[in-house]
């Protein structure tokens, strides 16, 4: 009997180890992690930073829920700080994830699955351990009741299994999605024992339970929320945590108007501010507090791809389902005049969905990019293969007659006619466009654009609504045009499904607010996700970029390769920033 039992144990052990895999402390998209397994700290932090003081941020609008994972409600700013993820970033690397809740990661060469081995010391704020069951529960909960984004993001996961109390395995549909193990590492883990007692689908102010460095200390509904550093935070002594999470109390004060928030900053109610207005940056940051050094203003290099910001067409509207119409409307945005007159010449025109990076499409398609596009030649505009995409430049003096003539010719070809000063369709109905915005300060940018549209007979309206109404309408795709932005990383992947995927276009609350519904775009998204080396990723991303550009889904606006940061002198920051983030979690108070 002993011999049989011994043989059985050997058989089970052999079977359990039959699958070959490699174990690592980190995951990267391509290549090897920059930091070794025995690293002691992130390279850009100050490990001697004191953990003390408070820092107050501004927030826009209002909030009515602490649940950021569902479509309903407006989640409180900063609530993500109460959660830990399986892995966390080194912001000096384009896309690298190091163990946080997970001590190590197992993965086979074909990347058909990934296993996260949890740290036994990981704890939620109530002292309960973080287990594999919590990971399985979180994943299934987000797919079932979370925002549509999660179903697109994790669409290539076949199943998730808790193999032991501290080991959880995700099996994939196939091994072509190279990014999937890394984005699973970004999964915020929720406590099963807490959410089984609460309604996850309800957008309310139930105080959630997390395992992260902060927890909610107090709040005034819709006006402010404060987070306190967890003194016995389980991960505070890990190498990945040293020198981070140094502020004892982080506050968010809500303002409905950015100009009021700016005055609050000058008065000392707000400690830190990222300025997005070129005009304010050039004219408003003056006075004794700035001259004396009590307030610092820094322009910090941003090495991330700049993505796309623009006036976004809702192509679900019949008005915008023709590329020629979208192109014509885009021609009437006078960026050169806007940049000089309103922005003090601060910006560059954005001409790519991956601007300021090697991922942006340039010239004509060649090599691997051309090979990806060639099978769809009959489904794409001829210009994709024969002409470099470029945006027309105006003289910058406000006179855009050449662009107006070109726009009218395009609109005429699309069935529109200029009659008695009005641009009308075959039924005599005038073209009307509503621009939906929530920042009143943006009116000064939109109104000159609408005046140009009115000159060729288009009726326009600029509707300013509060943040809650704006979010609700955008989530339901109830708009003609909005100002939208699509941020990008140096390693794009699964999020592209939610930006431009046909399935996402059908789901209320998805980030495909444009309504892109293109089989070619869907195929190129999968090529991006499945790229097996850096060159393949670059080729696929450039191909996707080129097709999106020639479809005229947005009227591109502008970008700046820097963060404009203002902060009171009590805040200190490390000697250098990480390459791909502001690294606020490594700042401290003196």
Protein backbone atom coordinates (compact mmCIF):
# COMPACT_ATOMS: atom_id res chain seq x y z
CA UNK A 1 0.00 0.00 0.00
CA UNK A 2 2.85 2.41 0.86
CA UNK A 3 4.55 1.67 -2.45
CA UNK A 4 1.29 2.25 -4.36
CA UNK A 5 0.67 5.52 -2.51
CA UNK A 6 4.22 6.67 -3.22
CA UNK A 7 3.87 5.84 -6.91
CA UNK A 8 0.55 7.67 -7.04
CA UNK A 9 2.09 10.79 -5.48
CA UNK A 10 4.96 10.71 -7.97
CA UNK A 11 2.45 10.40 -10.83
CA UNK A 12 0.39 13.33 -9.59
CA UNK A 13 3.53 15.45 -9.09
CA UNK A 14 4.76 14.64 -12.60
CA UNK A 15 1.38 15.45 -14.14
CA UNK A 16 1.18 18.76 -12.30
CA UNK A 17 4.57 19.77 -13.70
CA UNK A 18 4.07 18.37 -17.21
CA UNK A 19 3.39 21.84 -18.64
CA UNK A 20 6.58 23.78 -19.08
CA UNK A 21 6.56 27.42 -18.08
CA UNK A 22 8.88 30.15 -16.96
CA UNK A 23 8.50 32.00 -13.64
CA UNK A 24 9.26 35.72 -13.38
CA UNK A 25 8.92 38.67 -11.03
CA UNK A 26 7.66 40.88 -13.89
CA UNK A 27 6.05 40.89 -17.32
CA UNK A 28 6.97 43.03 -20.33
CA UNK A 29 5.37 43.26 -23.73
CA UNK A 30 8.60 42.58 -25.61
CA UNK A 31 12.11 41.82 -24.38
CA UNK A 32 13.15 41.54 -20.74
CA UNK A 33 12.28 43.57 -17.59
CA UNK A 34 14.64 46.46 -16.91
CA UNK A 35 14.73 45.73 -13.18
CA UNK A 36 16.15 42.43 -11.87
CA UNK A 37 14.30 40.14 -9.49
CA UNK A 38 16.32 41.46 -6.55
CA UNK A 39 15.74 45.19 -7.25
CA UNK A 40 15.40 47.28 -4.09
CA UNK A 41 13.43 50.29 -5.39
CA UNK A 42 12.13 52.00 -8.49
CA UNK A 43 14.89 54.12 -10.08
CA UNK A 44 13.09 57.47 -9.84
CA UNK A 45 11.81 57.51 -6.22
CA UNK A 46 13.24 59.01 -3.05
CA UNK A 47 13.20 56.19 -0.50
CA UNK A 48 13.89 58.69 2.30
CA UNK A 49 10.78 60.76 1.58
CA UNK A 50 8.76 61.35 4.76
CA UNK A 51 5.20 60.06 4.98
CA UNK A 52 3.27 63.07 6.26
CA UNK A 53 1.16 66.09 5.37
CA UNK A 54 -1.75 66.63 3.03
CA UNK A 55 -2.21 67.35 -0.65
CA UNK A 56 -5.38 68.83 -2.17
CA UNK A 57 -6.33 68.34 -5.82
CA UNK A 58 -9.13 69.93 -7.77
CA UNK A 59 -11.86 67.83 -9.40
CA UNK A 60 -14.45 68.83 -11.98
CA UNK A 61 -18.21 68.55 -11.59
CA UNK A 62 -19.54 66.33 -8.84
CA UNK A 63 -19.69 62.70 -7.66
CA UNK A 64 -22.39 60.38 -6.41
CA UNK A 65 -20.75 56.95 -6.12
CA UNK A 66 -17.62 55.18 -4.91
CA UNK A 67 -18.03 52.43 -7.50
CA UNK A 68 -15.89 53.27 -10.56
CA UNK A 69 -16.43 49.89 -12.22
CA UNK A 70 -19.98 50.31 -13.56
CA UNK A 71 -21.62 52.61 -16.09
CA UNK A 72 -24.00 54.23 -13.63
CA UNK A 73 -23.12 57.34 -11.65
CA UNK A 74 -20.14 59.69 -11.40
CA UNK A 75 -17.39 58.01 -9.37
CA UNK A 76 -15.42 60.00 -6.81
CA UNK A 77 -12.02 61.24 -7.94
CA UNK A 78 -9.09 59.22 -6.63
CA UNK A 79 -11.13 56.20 -5.56
CA UNK A 80 -8.79 53.85 -7.46
CA UNK A 81 -6.16 54.47 -4.77
CA UNK A 82 -7.96 52.18 -2.35
CA UNK A 83 -7.36 49.12 -4.54
CA UNK A 84 -4.30 47.02 -5.24
CA UNK A 85 -3.69 45.20 -8.50
CA UNK A 86 -1.93 41.93 -9.23
CA UNK A 87 0.94 43.80 -10.87
CA UNK A 88 1.97 47.46 -10.98
CA UNK A 89 3.97 49.63 -13.37
CA UNK A 90 7.54 50.81 -13.51
CA UNK A 91 6.88 54.13 -15.24
CA UNK A 92 10.40 54.22 -16.66
CA UNK A 93 9.45 51.40 -19.05
CA UNK A 94 6.97 51.70 -21.91
CA UNK A 95 4.91 48.71 -20.77
CA UNK A 96 6.27 46.67 -17.90
CA UNK A 97 4.39 45.24 -14.93
CA UNK A 98 6.03 44.11 -11.67
CA UNK A 99 4.52 41.97 -8.94
CA UNK A 100 2.37 43.65 -6.29
CA UNK A 101 -0.39 41.35 -5.00
CA UNK A 102 1.33 38.67 -7.07
CA UNK A 103 4.78 37.60 -5.92
CA UNK A 104 5.54 35.79 -9.18
CA UNK A 105 4.04 35.04 -12.56
CA UNK A 106 4.13 31.75 -14.49
CA UNK A 107 3.66 31.60 -18.24
CA UNK A 108 4.39 29.05 -21.01
CA UNK A 109 6.33 29.98 -24.12
CA UNK A 110 3.18 29.98 -26.27
CA UNK A 111 1.50 32.49 -23.86
CA UNK A 112 -1.70 30.42 -23.87
CA UNK A 113 -2.22 30.99 -20.14
CA UNK A 114 -0.82 32.89 -17.19
CA UNK A 115 -0.68 32.06 -13.49
CA UNK A 116 -0.39 34.64 -10.72
CA UNK A 117 1.06 33.41 -7.43
CA UNK A 118 -0.24 35.70 -4.68
CA UNK A 119 1.75 36.96 -1.72
CA UNK A 120 0.53 35.26 1.47
CA UNK A 121 0.92 38.51 3.41
CA UNK A 122 -1.48 40.47 1.13
CA UNK A 123 -4.43 41.80 3.13
CA UNK A 124 -7.61 43.82 2.65
CA UNK A 125 -8.12 46.75 5.01
CA UNK A 126 -10.25 44.61 7.35
CA UNK A 127 -7.38 42.16 7.81
CA UNK A 128 -8.79 39.41 5.61
CA UNK A 129 -6.23 37.81 3.22
CA UNK A 130 -6.36 38.41 -0.52
CA UNK A 131 -6.89 34.99 -2.12
CA UNK A 132 -7.23 33.39 -5.53
CA UNK A 133 -10.99 33.19 -4.91
CA UNK A 134 -11.07 37.00 -4.71
CA UNK A 135 -9.33 37.21 -8.08
CA UNK A 136 -11.78 34.79 -9.71
CA UNK A 137 -14.72 36.59 -8.11
CA UNK A 138 -13.48 40.02 -9.28
CA UNK A 139 -12.92 38.91 -12.86
CA UNK A 140 -16.34 37.29 -13.20
CA UNK A 141 -18.08 40.17 -11.44
CA UNK A 142 -16.59 42.78 -13.78
CA UNK A 143 -17.55 40.74 -16.84
CA UNK A 144 -21.09 40.21 -15.58
CA UNK A 145 -21.92 43.57 -14.01
CA UNK A 146 -19.05 45.92 -14.84
CA UNK A 147 -18.84 48.50 -17.63
CA UNK A 148 -18.84 47.16 -21.22
CA UNK A 149 -15.15 48.08 -21.42
CA UNK A 150 -14.22 44.98 -19.40
CA UNK A 151 -15.88 42.56 -21.79
CA UNK A 152 -13.88 44.02 -24.66
CA UNK A 153 -10.65 44.27 -22.66
CA UNK A 154 -10.71 40.68 -21.41
CA UNK A 155 -12.45 39.17 -24.41
CA UNK A 156 -9.69 36.63 -25.10
CA UNK A 157 -9.90 34.96 -21.67
CA UNK A 158 -11.50 31.52 -21.88
CA UNK A 159 -11.67 30.83 -18.14
CA UNK A 160 -10.14 31.69 -14.78
CA UNK A 161 -9.41 29.01 -12.18
CA UNK A 162 -8.30 29.18 -8.55
CA UNK A 163 -5.73 26.38 -8.42
CA UNK A 164 -5.01 26.92 -4.73
CA UNK A 165 -5.58 29.58 -2.08
CA UNK A 166 -2.77 31.69 -3.50
CA UNK A 167 -2.53 30.56 -7.11
CA UNK A 168 -4.90 31.65 -9.89
CA UNK A 169 -4.67 30.75 -13.56
CA UNK A 170 -6.19 32.47 -16.58
CA UNK A 171 -6.58 30.27 -19.67
CA UNK A 172 -6.79 32.06 -23.02
CA UNK A 173 -8.68 31.37 -26.23
CA UNK A 174 -5.26 31.20 -27.91
CA UNK A 175 -1.79 32.63 -27.42
CA UNK A 176 -1.99 35.43 -29.99
CA UNK A 177 -2.93 38.18 -27.51
CA UNK A 178 0.52 39.06 -26.15
CA UNK A 179 -0.73 41.96 -24.08
CA UNK A 180 -3.40 39.99 -22.23
CA UNK A 181 -1.21 38.70 -19.37
CA UNK A 182 -0.06 42.26 -18.65
CA UNK A 183 -3.51 43.80 -18.65
CA UNK A 184 -4.80 41.03 -16.41
CA UNK A 185 -2.05 42.13 -14.05
CA UNK A 186 -3.75 45.55 -13.91
CA UNK A 187 -6.94 43.97 -12.57
CA UNK A 188 -7.97 45.72 -9.29
CA UNK A 189 -8.86 42.93 -6.87
CA UNK A 190 -12.15 43.25 -4.98
CA UNK A 191 -12.99 41.40 -1.75
CA UNK A 192 -15.44 38.57 -2.35
CA UNK A 193 -16.61 38.52 1.28
CA UNK A 194 -17.55 42.23 1.06
CA UNK A 195 -19.35 42.34 -2.29
CA UNK A 196 -21.35 39.21 -1.61
CA UNK A 197 -23.08 41.32 1.04
CA UNK A 198 -23.60 44.42 -1.16
CA UNK A 199 -25.21 45.24 -4.49
CA UNK A 200 -22.35 45.82 -6.96
CA UNK A 201 -24.66 47.15 -9.68
CA UNK A 202 -25.88 50.00 -7.49
CA UNK A 203 -24.23 53.40 -7.92
CA UNK A 204 -24.26 54.72 -4.38
CA UNK A 205 -21.96 55.91 -1.62
CA UNK A 206 -21.41 52.57 0.06
CA UNK A 207 -17.86 52.75 1.45
CA UNK A 208 -15.96 50.04 -0.45
CA UNK A 209 -13.29 47.76 0.98
CA UNK A 210 -9.89 47.59 -0.69
CA UNK A 211 -6.32 46.50 -0.07
CA UNK A 212 -4.49 49.54 -1.45
CA UNK A 213 -2.33 52.21 0.19
CA UNK A 214 -5.27 54.55 0.90
CA UNK A 215 -8.80 54.29 2.25
CA UNK A 216 -11.68 56.75 2.29
CA UNK A 217 -11.44 58.94 5.40
CA UNK A 218 -14.34 61.36 4.93
CA UNK A 219 -16.48 62.94 2.24
CA UNK A 220 -19.05 65.63 1.58
CA UNK A 221 -21.32 64.26 -1.13
CA UNK A 222 -20.60 65.87 -4.47
CA UNK A 223 -18.21 68.42 -2.96
CA UNK A 224 -15.11 66.77 -1.51
CA UNK A 225 -13.53 63.45 -0.61
CA UNK A 226 -10.44 62.65 1.47
CA UNK A 227 -8.25 59.55 1.50
CA UNK A 228 -5.99 58.58 4.41
CA UNK A 229 -2.77 56.61 4.07
CA UNK A 230 -3.21 53.14 5.58
CA UNK A 231 -0.65 53.00 8.38
CA UNK A 232 -0.34 49.23 8.38
CA UNK A 233 -0.55 48.91 4.60
CA UNK A 234 0.55 45.36 3.90
CA UNK A 235 2.82 46.26 0.91
CA UNK A 236 4.54 49.35 2.33
CA UNK A 237 7.95 47.64 2.65
CA UNK A 238 8.00 45.90 -0.74
CA UNK A 239 10.72 47.15 -3.13
CA UNK A 240 8.00 48.23 -5.61
CA UNK A 241 6.43 50.43 -2.87
CA UNK A 242 9.49 52.07 -1.32
CA UNK A 243 9.49 55.84 -1.80
CA UNK A 244 5.87 55.85 -2.99
CA UNK A 245 2.55 56.77 -1.33
CA UNK A 246 4.15 59.45 0.83
CA UNK A 247 1.22 61.83 1.41
CA UNK A 248 -0.68 61.14 4.64
CA UNK A 249 -3.96 62.68 3.42
CA UNK A 250 -5.04 63.23 -0.18
CA UNK A 251 -8.04 65.51 -0.72
CA UNK A 252 -10.16 66.26 -3.79
CA UNK A 253 -12.18 69.47 -3.85
CA UNK A 254 -14.87 69.72 -6.53
CA UNK A 255 -15.37 72.79 -8.73
CA UNK A 256 -17.83 73.29 -11.57
CA UNK A 257 -15.68 75.88 -13.33
CA UNK A 258 -11.94 75.64 -14.01
CA UNK A 259 -11.50 79.40 -13.65
CA UNK A 260 -12.87 79.21 -10.10
CA UNK A 261 -10.54 76.28 -9.41
CA UNK A 262 -7.59 78.38 -10.62
CA UNK A 263 -8.45 81.14 -8.16
CA UNK A 264 -8.80 78.54 -5.40
CA UNK A 265 -5.31 77.31 -6.26
CA UNK A 266 -3.87 80.81 -6.01
CA UNK A 267 -5.60 81.25 -2.65
CA UNK A 268 -3.99 78.08 -1.32
CA UNK A 269 -7.09 75.87 -1.17
CA UNK A 270 -5.59 73.62 -3.84
CA UNK A 271 -1.95 72.49 -3.65
CA UNK A 272 -1.36 71.10 -7.11
CA UNK A 273 -2.73 71.77 -10.57
CA UNK A 274 -2.16 70.56 -14.13
CA UNK A 275 -2.93 73.45 -16.44
CA UNK A 276 -4.57 72.57 -19.75
CA UNK A 277 -5.28 76.12 -20.92
CA UNK A 278 -2.46 77.72 -22.91
CA UNK A 279 -3.98 81.15 -22.31
CA UNK A 280 -4.08 80.72 -18.53
CA UNK A 281 -0.56 79.26 -18.50
CA UNK A 282 0.71 82.31 -20.37
CA UNK A 283 -1.21 84.99 -18.47
CA UNK A 284 -2.69 83.80 -15.16
CA UNK A 285 0.29 82.33 -13.29
CA UNK A 286 1.72 85.64 -12.14
CA UNK A 287 1.87 87.57 -8.89
CA UNK A 288 3.79 87.72 -5.62
CA UNK A 289 3.32 84.01 -4.79
CA UNK A 290 5.03 83.07 -8.06
CA UNK A 291 7.75 85.72 -7.82
CA UNK A 292 8.66 84.66 -4.28
CA UNK A 293 8.86 80.96 -5.16
CA UNK A 294 5.93 79.97 -2.94
CA UNK A 295 4.32 78.51 -6.06
CA UNK A 296 6.39 76.63 -8.63
CA UNK A 297 5.50 76.33 -12.32
CA UNK A 298 7.24 73.58 -14.26
CA UNK A 299 6.91 72.24 -17.77
CA UNK A 300 7.81 68.55 -17.58
CA UNK A 301 8.56 66.44 -20.63
CA UNK A 302 5.88 63.87 -21.49
CA UNK A 303 7.39 61.00 -23.47
CA UNK A 304 4.11 59.15 -24.01
CA UNK A 305 2.39 59.04 -27.40
CA UNK A 306 -0.02 61.96 -27.40
CA UNK A 307 -3.00 60.07 -28.78
CA UNK A 308 -5.84 61.95 -30.42
CA UNK A 309 -7.92 64.85 -29.19
CA UNK A 310 -10.50 66.32 -31.51
CA UNK A 311 -14.05 67.25 -32.32
CA UNK A 312 -15.66 63.82 -32.44
CA UNK A 313 -18.41 62.89 -34.91
CA UNK A 314 -21.15 60.56 -33.72
CA UNK A 315 -21.38 58.43 -36.87
CA UNK A 316 -24.56 56.82 -35.56
CA UNK A 317 -26.22 60.04 -36.74
CA UNK A 318 -27.24 59.72 -40.42
CA UNK A 319 -25.81 63.20 -40.95
CA UNK A 320 -22.28 61.91 -40.34
CA UNK A 321 -22.29 58.49 -42.01
CA UNK A 322 -20.45 59.77 -45.12
CA UNK A 323 -16.67 60.36 -44.89
CA UNK A 324 -16.97 63.20 -47.41
CA UNK A 325 -19.30 65.11 -45.09
CA UNK A 326 -16.99 64.56 -42.13
CA UNK A 327 -13.97 65.70 -44.14
CA UNK A 328 -15.79 68.83 -45.31
CA UNK A 329 -16.78 69.83 -41.79
CA UNK A 330 -13.21 69.26 -40.66
CA UNK A 331 -11.83 71.59 -43.30
CA UNK A 332 -13.55 74.54 -41.64
CA UNK A 333 -11.63 74.27 -38.36
CA UNK A 334 -8.93 76.93 -38.62
CA UNK A 335 -6.22 75.53 -36.34
CA UNK A 336 -3.54 78.00 -37.39
CA UNK A 337 -5.70 81.01 -36.43
CA UNK A 338 -6.88 79.31 -33.23
CA UNK A 339 -3.33 78.45 -32.16
CA UNK A 340 -2.01 81.98 -32.65
CA UNK A 341 -4.99 83.95 -31.40
CA UNK A 342 -6.14 81.76 -28.50
CA UNK A 343 -3.16 79.56 -27.53
CA UNK A 344 -0.16 81.89 -27.92
CA UNK A 345 1.29 79.49 -30.50
CA UNK A 346 1.78 76.81 -27.83
CA UNK A 347 0.48 73.73 -29.64
CA UNK A 348 1.19 71.40 -32.53
CA UNK A 349 -1.63 70.14 -34.76
CA UNK A 350 -2.35 66.48 -34.11
CA UNK A 351 -2.16 64.44 -37.31
CA UNK A 352 -2.19 60.90 -35.89
CA UNK A 353 -4.07 58.79 -33.36
CA UNK A 354 -0.60 57.95 -31.98
CA UNK A 355 0.96 61.40 -32.32
CA UNK A 356 4.54 62.07 -31.26
CA UNK A 357 5.59 58.41 -31.46
CA UNK A 358 7.05 55.83 -33.81
CA UNK A 359 3.56 54.32 -34.02
CA UNK A 360 2.19 57.17 -36.13
CA UNK A 361 1.58 56.49 -39.83
CA UNK A 362 3.88 58.50 -42.10
CA UNK A 363 4.56 58.60 -45.84
CA UNK A 364 3.04 55.74 -47.82
CA UNK A 365 2.51 52.25 -46.38
CA UNK A 366 5.50 49.98 -46.84
CA UNK A 367 6.79 46.59 -45.71
CA UNK A 368 4.78 44.93 -42.97
CA UNK A 369 2.24 47.76 -42.85
CA UNK A 370 1.52 47.45 -46.58
CA UNK A 371 1.21 43.67 -46.25
CA UNK A 372 -1.48 44.15 -43.60
CA UNK A 373 -3.43 46.69 -45.67
CA UNK A 374 -3.18 45.05 -49.09
CA UNK A 375 -5.91 42.39 -48.57
CA UNK A 376 -8.43 45.18 -47.89
CA UNK A 377 -7.58 47.36 -50.88
CA UNK A 378 -11.11 47.11 -52.30
CA UNK A 379 -12.64 48.18 -48.97
CA UNK A 380 -10.44 51.21 -48.32
CA UNK A 381 -10.13 54.65 -49.94
CA UNK A 382 -7.58 54.70 -52.77
CA UNK A 383 -5.68 57.46 -50.93
CA UNK A 384 -4.66 55.01 -48.19
CA UNK A 385 -2.18 53.50 -50.67
CA UNK A 386 -1.38 56.47 -52.91
CA UNK A 387 -1.25 59.59 -50.76
CA UNK A 388 0.32 60.59 -47.44
CA UNK A 389 -2.32 61.80 -45.01
CA UNK A 390 -2.01 65.47 -44.12
CA UNK A 391 -4.23 68.19 -42.72
CA UNK A 392 -4.68 71.36 -44.73
CA UNK A 393 -3.01 74.46 -43.33
CA UNK A 394 -4.71 77.84 -43.44
CA UNK A 395 -2.95 81.20 -43.63
CA UNK A 396 -3.79 81.87 -39.99
CA UNK A 397 -5.42 85.25 -40.72
CA UNK A 398 -9.00 84.03 -40.39
CA UNK A 399 -9.57 83.89 -44.17
CA UNK A 400 -10.37 80.27 -45.13
CA UNK A 401 -12.07 80.78 -48.51
CA UNK A 402 -10.08 77.98 -50.22
CA UNK A 403 -11.16 75.53 -47.51
CA UNK A 404 -14.77 76.72 -47.76
CA UNK A 405 -14.80 76.12 -51.51
CA UNK A 406 -13.36 72.63 -51.09
CA UNK A 407 -15.84 71.84 -48.32
CA UNK A 408 -18.81 72.95 -50.41
CA UNK A 409 -17.62 70.82 -53.34
CA UNK A 410 -17.42 67.76 -51.08
CA UNK A 411 -20.84 68.45 -49.59
CA UNK A 412 -22.37 68.93 -53.03
CA UNK A 413 -21.01 65.53 -54.04
CA UNK A 414 -22.63 64.07 -50.90
CA UNK A 415 -26.07 65.43 -51.87
CA UNK A 416 -26.15 68.80 -50.08
CA UNK A 417 -27.05 72.10 -51.78
CA UNK A 418 -26.45 75.72 -50.82
CA UNK A 419 -29.84 77.43 -51.19
CA UNK A 420 -30.59 80.97 -50.01
CA UNK A 421 -27.66 80.88 -47.64
CA UNK A 422 -28.61 77.52 -46.13
CA UNK A 423 -26.98 74.13 -46.70
CA UNK A 424 -29.93 71.80 -47.30
CA UNK A 425 -30.47 68.15 -48.17
CA UNK A 426 -32.70 66.76 -50.94
CA UNK A 427 -35.77 67.42 -48.75
CA UNK A 428 -34.82 71.03 -48.14
CA UNK A 429 -33.84 70.47 -44.51
CA UNK A 430 -30.90 72.55 -43.30
CA UNK A 431 -27.85 70.81 -41.87
CA UNK A 432 -27.75 71.38 -38.11
CA UNK A 433 -24.91 70.44 -35.71
CA UNK A 434 -25.00 70.64 -31.92
CA UNK A 435 -21.65 70.81 -30.11
CA UNK A 436 -22.02 69.37 -26.61
CA UNK A 437 -19.49 70.59 -24.02
CA UNK A 438 -19.29 70.87 -20.22
CA UNK A 439 -16.49 73.42 -19.82
CA UNK A 440 -17.76 76.93 -20.43
CA UNK A 441 -14.20 78.08 -21.07
CA UNK A 442 -14.17 75.86 -24.18
CA UNK A 443 -16.82 78.06 -25.80
CA UNK A 444 -14.15 80.51 -26.96
CA UNK A 445 -12.60 77.67 -29.00
CA UNK A 446 -15.81 76.19 -30.37
CA UNK A 447 -17.55 79.44 -31.31
CA UNK A 448 -15.02 80.58 -33.99
CA UNK A 449 -15.32 77.11 -35.53
CA UNK A 450 -19.13 77.31 -35.59
CA UNK A 451 -18.95 80.73 -37.25
CA UNK A 452 -16.97 79.19 -40.09
CA UNK A 453 -19.58 76.45 -40.44
CA UNK A 454 -22.37 79.04 -40.50
CA UNK A 455 -20.64 80.84 -43.38
CA UNK A 456 -21.38 77.89 -45.66
CA UNK A 457 -24.98 77.58 -44.49
CA UNK A 458 -24.72 75.08 -41.61
CA UNK A 459 -26.90 75.79 -38.57
CA UNK A 460 -24.97 75.28 -35.31
CA UNK A 461 -25.60 75.29 -31.58
CA UNK A 462 -23.12 75.12 -28.69
CA UNK A 463 -24.79 73.50 -25.69
CA UNK A 464 -23.02 73.77 -22.34
CA UNK A 465 -24.30 71.28 -19.73
CA UNK A 466 -23.12 70.20 -16.29
CA UNK A 467 -20.71 67.29 -15.99
CA UNK A 468 -23.34 64.76 -14.89
CA UNK A 469 -25.60 65.49 -17.85
CA UNK A 470 -22.63 65.50 -20.20
CA UNK A 471 -21.40 62.09 -19.04
CA UNK A 472 -24.91 60.66 -19.23
CA UNK A 473 -25.48 61.89 -22.77
CA UNK A 474 -22.08 60.76 -24.03
CA UNK A 475 -22.49 57.30 -22.48
CA UNK A 476 -25.83 56.96 -24.26
CA UNK A 477 -24.35 58.36 -27.50
CA UNK A 478 -26.89 61.19 -27.40
CA UNK A 479 -24.89 63.89 -29.19
CA UNK A 480 -23.86 65.20 -32.59
CA UNK A 481 -20.30 66.33 -31.82
CA UNK A 482 -18.25 66.48 -28.62
CA UNK A 483 -14.63 67.16 -27.77
CA UNK A 484 -13.11 63.74 -27.16
CA UNK A 485 -9.67 62.37 -26.43
CA UNK A 486 -8.20 58.91 -26.93
CA UNK A 487 -5.06 58.50 -24.87
CA UNK A 488 -2.44 56.02 -26.04
CA UNK A 489 0.53 54.21 -24.57
CA UNK A 490 3.80 53.17 -26.16
CA UNK A 491 2.41 49.65 -26.32
CA UNK A 492 -1.20 49.75 -27.59
CA UNK A 493 -3.31 46.62 -27.33
CA UNK A 494 -6.67 45.45 -26.05
CA UNK A 495 -8.01 48.93 -25.29
CA UNK A 496 -8.19 49.50 -29.06
CA UNK A 497 -11.20 47.17 -29.14
CA UNK A 498 -13.08 49.52 -26.85
CA UNK A 499 -11.96 52.61 -28.78
CA UNK A 500 -12.85 51.46 -32.30
CA UNK A 501 -14.18 47.88 -32.23
CA UNK A 502 -17.53 47.12 -33.86
CA UNK A 503 -18.80 45.23 -30.81
CA UNK A 504 -18.01 48.18 -28.54
CA UNK A 505 -20.01 50.47 -30.84
CA UNK A 506 -23.14 48.58 -29.79
CA UNK A 507 -22.60 48.85 -26.02
CA UNK A 508 -23.88 51.84 -24.09
CA UNK A 509 -21.04 53.29 -22.02
CA UNK A 510 -18.23 52.03 -24.24
CA UNK A 511 -15.38 54.29 -25.32
CA UNK A 512 -16.27 53.84 -28.99
CA UNK A 513 -18.23 57.08 -28.84
CA UNK A 514 -17.55 57.64 -32.54
CA UNK A 515 -19.50 54.52 -33.47
CA UNK A 516 -16.72 53.02 -35.61
CA UNK A 517 -18.14 49.88 -37.21
CA UNK A 518 -15.62 48.61 -39.74
CA UNK A 519 -14.56 45.00 -40.48
CA UNK A 520 -11.17 46.29 -41.64
CA UNK A 521 -10.60 48.22 -38.44
CA UNK A 522 -11.62 45.12 -36.44
CA UNK A 523 -9.02 43.02 -38.28
CA UNK A 524 -6.29 45.61 -37.74
CA UNK A 525 -7.11 45.85 -34.04
CA UNK A 526 -6.56 42.10 -33.73
CA UNK A 527 -3.26 42.47 -35.62
CA UNK A 528 -2.15 45.06 -33.05
CA UNK A 529 -3.17 42.81 -30.17
CA UNK A 530 -1.54 39.73 -31.67
CA UNK A 531 1.78 41.33 -32.70
CA UNK A 532 4.57 38.97 -31.60
CA UNK A 533 7.43 41.50 -31.67
CA UNK A 534 7.97 45.24 -31.59
CA UNK A 535 8.24 45.67 -35.37
CA UNK A 536 4.99 43.78 -35.94
CA UNK A 537 3.31 46.02 -33.35
CA UNK A 538 4.59 49.16 -35.05
CA UNK A 539 3.44 47.95 -38.48
CA UNK A 540 -0.03 47.01 -37.25
CA UNK A 541 -0.50 50.23 -35.29
CA UNK A 542 0.55 52.37 -38.25
CA UNK A 543 -1.90 50.50 -40.47
CA UNK A 544 -4.72 51.07 -37.96
CA UNK A 545 -3.76 54.73 -37.62
CA UNK A 546 -3.78 55.24 -41.39
CA UNK A 547 -7.24 53.72 -41.84
CA UNK A 548 -8.72 55.76 -38.98
CA UNK A 549 -7.22 58.98 -40.36
CA UNK A 550 -8.54 58.48 -43.88
CA UNK A 551 -12.01 57.75 -42.44
CA UNK A 552 -12.23 61.30 -40.97
CA UNK A 553 -13.87 60.19 -37.73
CA UNK A 554 -12.67 63.28 -35.85
CA UNK A 555 -11.56 66.82 -36.57
CA UNK A 556 -8.05 66.68 -35.05
CA UNK A 557 -7.14 69.40 -32.57
CA UNK A 558 -3.73 69.80 -30.92
CA UNK A 559 -1.19 68.39 -28.49
CA UNK A 560 1.75 69.38 -26.32
CA UNK A 561 4.56 66.96 -25.40
CA UNK A 562 4.67 68.18 -21.84
CA UNK A 563 2.77 68.53 -18.59
CA UNK A 564 2.27 72.10 -17.34
CA UNK A 565 2.37 71.71 -13.57
CA UNK A 566 1.90 74.29 -10.82
CA UNK A 567 2.28 73.45 -7.13
CA UNK A 568 2.82 75.09 -3.75
CA UNK A 569 6.29 74.96 -2.24
CA UNK A 570 5.34 72.50 0.52
CA UNK A 571 5.24 69.79 -2.16
CA UNK A 572 8.53 68.21 -3.19
CA UNK A 573 9.31 65.82 -5.97
CA UNK A 574 12.21 63.48 -6.82
CA UNK A 575 15.21 64.72 -8.80
CA UNK A 576 13.70 63.43 -12.00
CA UNK A 577 10.36 62.28 -13.33
CA UNK A 578 9.76 58.78 -14.63
CA UNK A 579 9.78 58.74 -18.43
CA UNK A 580 6.12 57.88 -18.98
CA UNK A 581 4.22 59.47 -16.07
CA UNK A 582 4.16 62.43 -13.73
CA UNK A 583 4.89 60.07 -10.86
CA UNK A 584 2.75 61.94 -8.32
CA UNK A 585 2.75 58.93 -6.03
CA UNK A 586 6.47 59.58 -5.42
CA UNK A 587 6.02 63.24 -4.34
CA UNK A 588 6.02 64.19 -0.66
CA UNK A 589 5.27 67.04 1.74
CA UNK A 590 7.94 68.97 3.64
